[in-house]
């Protein structure tokens, strides 16, 4: 158990190199959609928040 605790302490000090692409902030055009309750929701309503959009479609026979 002592070995496990020491491993956790040592591994927590490791610096992790960023691997990826930095994306510059780009303004998005405002648009409106209707939510599941039939209420309009616009992108400007989410101003200042992190927003992730997913457009899904399913077609089951």
N, C-alpha and C. Protein backbone atom coordinates (compact mmCIF):
# COMPACT_ATOMS: atom_id res chain seq x y z
N UNK A 1 0.83 -1.18 0.00
CA UNK A 1 0.00 0.00 0.00
C UNK A 1 0.88 1.25 0.00
N UNK A 2 1.98 1.23 0.73
CA UNK A 2 2.89 2.37 0.77
C UNK A 2 3.49 2.63 -0.61
N UNK A 3 3.79 1.56 -1.32
CA UNK A 3 4.34 1.70 -2.67
C UNK A 3 3.30 2.33 -3.59
N UNK A 4 2.05 1.93 -3.45
CA UNK A 4 0.98 2.51 -4.27
C UNK A 4 0.83 4.00 -4.01
N UNK A 5 0.85 4.39 -2.74
CA UNK A 5 0.71 5.80 -2.38
C UNK A 5 1.88 6.61 -2.93
N UNK A 6 3.09 6.07 -2.84
CA UNK A 6 4.26 6.78 -3.35
C UNK A 6 4.17 6.94 -4.87
N UNK A 7 3.71 5.93 -5.56
CA UNK A 7 3.55 6.00 -7.01
C UNK A 7 2.57 7.11 -7.38
N UNK A 8 1.46 7.22 -6.65
CA UNK A 8 0.47 8.24 -6.94
C UNK A 8 1.03 9.64 -6.73
N UNK A 9 1.83 9.82 -5.69
CA UNK A 9 2.43 11.12 -5.41
C UNK A 9 3.43 11.49 -6.50
N UNK A 10 4.27 10.56 -6.87
CA UNK A 10 5.29 10.82 -7.89
C UNK A 10 4.64 11.05 -9.26
N UNK A 11 3.65 10.25 -9.61
CA UNK A 11 3.03 10.39 -10.93
C UNK A 11 2.20 11.66 -11.03
N UNK A 12 1.75 12.21 -9.92
CA UNK A 12 0.97 13.44 -9.94
C UNK A 12 1.81 14.66 -10.25
N UNK A 13 3.13 14.56 -10.21
CA UNK A 13 3.99 15.70 -10.45
C UNK A 13 4.48 15.77 -11.90
N UNK A 14 4.06 14.86 -12.71
CA UNK A 14 4.50 14.82 -14.11
C UNK A 14 3.82 15.93 -14.91
N UNK A 15 4.58 16.62 -15.74
CA UNK A 15 4.01 17.64 -16.62
C UNK A 15 3.54 16.95 -17.89
N UNK A 16 2.37 17.31 -18.34
CA UNK A 16 1.81 16.70 -19.53
C UNK A 16 1.91 17.70 -20.68
N UNK A 17 2.48 17.26 -21.78
CA UNK A 17 2.64 18.11 -22.95
C UNK A 17 1.33 18.14 -23.74
N UNK A 18 0.91 19.33 -24.14
CA UNK A 18 -0.30 19.48 -24.93
C UNK A 18 -0.06 18.96 -26.33
N UNK A 19 -0.91 18.05 -26.77
CA UNK A 19 -0.84 17.54 -28.14
C UNK A 19 -2.20 17.82 -28.76
N UNK A 20 -2.22 18.69 -29.71
CA UNK A 20 -3.49 19.04 -30.33
C UNK A 20 -3.37 20.33 -31.11
N UNK A 21 -4.50 20.93 -31.40
CA UNK A 21 -4.53 22.16 -32.16
C UNK A 21 -5.26 23.22 -31.35
N UNK A 22 -4.59 24.35 -31.12
CA UNK A 22 -5.26 25.48 -30.48
C UNK A 22 -6.17 26.12 -31.51
N UNK A 23 -7.41 26.33 -31.15
CA UNK A 23 -8.36 26.97 -32.05
C UNK A 23 -8.56 28.41 -31.61
N UNK A 24 -8.39 29.32 -32.53
CA UNK A 24 -8.65 30.73 -32.23
C UNK A 24 -10.16 30.92 -32.12
N UNK A 25 -10.53 31.89 -31.29
CA UNK A 25 -11.95 32.18 -31.17
C UNK A 25 -12.45 32.77 -32.47
N UNK A 26 -13.48 32.19 -33.00
CA UNK A 26 -14.09 32.69 -34.23
C UNK A 26 -15.56 32.95 -33.93
N UNK A 27 -16.06 34.12 -34.29
CA UNK A 27 -17.46 34.41 -34.01
C UNK A 27 -18.38 33.52 -34.85
N UNK A 28 -19.42 33.06 -34.24
CA UNK A 28 -20.41 32.24 -34.94
C UNK A 28 -21.64 33.10 -35.23
N UNK A 29 -22.23 32.88 -36.36
CA UNK A 29 -23.45 33.61 -36.72
C UNK A 29 -24.58 33.19 -35.79
N UNK A 30 -25.38 34.15 -35.36
CA UNK A 30 -26.50 33.83 -34.47
C UNK A 30 -27.58 33.09 -35.26
N UNK A 31 -28.19 32.11 -34.64
CA UNK A 31 -29.28 31.37 -35.26
C UNK A 31 -30.21 30.89 -34.16
N UNK A 32 -31.41 30.52 -34.54
CA UNK A 32 -32.40 30.04 -33.58
C UNK A 32 -32.90 28.66 -33.99
N UNK A 33 -33.17 27.85 -33.00
CA UNK A 33 -33.77 26.53 -33.19
C UNK A 33 -34.89 26.38 -32.19
N UNK A 34 -35.66 25.34 -32.33
CA UNK A 34 -36.75 25.07 -31.39
C UNK A 34 -36.33 23.87 -30.54
N UNK A 35 -36.45 24.00 -29.21
CA UNK A 35 -36.06 22.89 -28.34
C UNK A 35 -37.17 21.85 -28.24
N UNK A 36 -36.94 20.84 -27.43
CA UNK A 36 -37.89 19.73 -27.31
C UNK A 36 -39.22 20.14 -26.69
N UNK A 37 -39.27 21.35 -26.10
CA UNK A 37 -40.51 21.84 -25.50
C UNK A 37 -41.24 22.82 -26.41
N UNK A 38 -40.72 23.00 -27.64
CA UNK A 38 -41.34 23.90 -28.59
C UNK A 38 -40.96 25.36 -28.39
N UNK A 39 -39.98 25.63 -27.53
CA UNK A 39 -39.55 27.00 -27.25
C UNK A 39 -38.35 27.36 -28.12
N UNK A 40 -38.31 28.60 -28.64
CA UNK A 40 -37.16 29.01 -29.44
C UNK A 40 -35.92 29.21 -28.56
N UNK A 41 -34.79 28.77 -29.05
CA UNK A 41 -33.50 28.94 -28.37
C UNK A 41 -32.52 29.47 -29.40
N UNK A 42 -31.83 30.55 -29.07
CA UNK A 42 -30.86 31.10 -30.02
C UNK A 42 -29.46 30.99 -29.46
N UNK A 43 -28.50 31.03 -30.34
CA UNK A 43 -27.11 30.94 -29.93
C UNK A 43 -26.74 32.11 -29.02
N UNK A 44 -27.31 33.27 -29.26
CA UNK A 44 -27.00 34.43 -28.42
C UNK A 44 -27.48 34.23 -26.98
N UNK A 45 -28.44 33.34 -26.74
CA UNK A 45 -28.88 33.02 -25.37
C UNK A 45 -27.75 32.36 -24.58
N UNK A 46 -26.80 31.77 -25.27
CA UNK A 46 -25.71 31.04 -24.61
C UNK A 46 -24.44 31.88 -24.49
N UNK A 47 -24.54 33.16 -24.74
CA UNK A 47 -23.37 34.05 -24.71
C UNK A 47 -22.63 33.94 -23.38
N UNK A 48 -21.31 33.76 -23.46
CA UNK A 48 -20.47 33.65 -22.27
C UNK A 48 -20.38 32.25 -21.70
N UNK A 49 -21.07 31.29 -22.30
CA UNK A 49 -21.05 29.91 -21.84
C UNK A 49 -20.33 29.03 -22.87
N UNK A 50 -19.75 27.95 -22.40
CA UNK A 50 -19.20 26.96 -23.32
C UNK A 50 -20.38 26.22 -23.93
N UNK A 51 -20.43 26.18 -25.24
CA UNK A 51 -21.57 25.59 -25.93
C UNK A 51 -21.09 24.52 -26.90
N UNK A 52 -21.68 23.34 -26.81
CA UNK A 52 -21.37 22.24 -27.72
C UNK A 52 -22.68 21.87 -28.42
N UNK A 53 -22.65 21.86 -29.73
CA UNK A 53 -23.84 21.52 -30.50
C UNK A 53 -23.67 20.15 -31.13
N UNK A 54 -24.73 19.39 -31.10
CA UNK A 54 -24.75 18.10 -31.77
C UNK A 54 -26.06 18.00 -32.54
N UNK A 55 -25.95 17.69 -33.79
CA UNK A 55 -27.14 17.48 -34.61
C UNK A 55 -27.24 15.98 -34.89
N UNK A 56 -28.27 15.36 -34.35
CA UNK A 56 -28.45 13.92 -34.50
C UNK A 56 -29.72 13.63 -35.28
N UNK A 57 -29.68 12.55 -36.00
CA UNK A 57 -30.85 12.09 -36.72
C UNK A 57 -30.86 10.57 -36.68
N UNK A 58 -31.99 10.02 -36.36
CA UNK A 58 -32.12 8.56 -36.41
C UNK A 58 -33.36 8.23 -37.23
N UNK A 59 -33.31 7.13 -37.89
CA UNK A 59 -34.44 6.66 -38.66
C UNK A 59 -34.53 5.16 -38.45
N UNK A 60 -35.40 4.77 -37.57
CA UNK A 60 -35.55 3.34 -37.28
C UNK A 60 -36.72 2.79 -38.08
N UNK A 61 -36.56 1.64 -38.67
CA UNK A 61 -37.67 1.04 -39.43
C UNK A 61 -38.80 0.58 -38.54
